[in-house]
């Protein structure tokens, strides 16, 4: 059946700002694709990410280029070969899943052969700043069971070891994940890993830049290390061997729920544990990722918690507990 397509770019202010090693931003800019058969419609949301040479313009253009194929009968299975992994395919893939659910009257987990999703505990992100500011933010979030600390800044005020120690002192009971976003240098690995070990950090994400991370294979890693920027879809998994213990799977990198579920299965077969991650986005992005997260070691789907206001309807969050979506939102 021929499908029609609509595309919208939407902006959602962030509560304060969101800072990582590559910079800061004050709003989440998302692209929403809606596909319709004239009776039912499905939606998918993606986040164009400059780190992967994506922009609102080129992601919108990539989705727009599929208007003709959709009208000609292209389906979700065809989409996997018709577009490369990335944000544009994610929006369309998730829209297809949503449309299939609405057409069939079944939930996406059922269509995918998965168990019904349960509420999960998500990480809550502490943005990169000086140690004192990060400690203050951690103190406000100390009641949350899982905190993700953004690292990779300059060496002022003791650098990342001081940031790690400050956050741990402010949130003594929380499980901590450290995320350097490619911001460490090889020369700093030993000191930074030692600081993480002292603080009881459970996982370190992407300490070195993609393509320049071979040092991880030459050292004893005192803490499990998780690939993020070095891992996109299944094709990227082989290069992680010997360097990483886990992989952060994000739908915007993998190109949708279809590939993300297949990637998770392949990663587990390769001996890697799974983190289900996200970009800063609304509940429409988090909803399909919650299905991936059901089998993940760590869940990091706090995007809506970082916004000044989420879309309506959105996911239900109770503290750090995130609940599966209602069909009115997705799936």
Foldseek 3Di string as FASTA:
>chain_A
DAKAKDKDKDKFFFDPWAAFQVGIDGIFIKMKMWIDPPPDIFIFIFGFDVVVPGDPVVLVVVLVVCRVVRRVPDALVNLPVVDDAFRSLAGVNQRRLQRVCVVVVHHSCVVVVHDDFFKDFAEDEQHDDAQVSSLVVLLVLLVRQEYEYHAQYDCPPNGPLSNLVSSCVSNVRHAYEYENPQRADLVCVVVNQVSCVVSNHAEYENPHDAPPQCVQLVDDRPHFYEYENQDAFQVSLVVCPSRGQAYEYACRRPSHLVRSQVRCVSCVVVRHAYEHEYDQAAQSRVQSSSRSCRRHPHYHRCNCVRTPHHDPPHWDDDSRITGHDDSVSGD
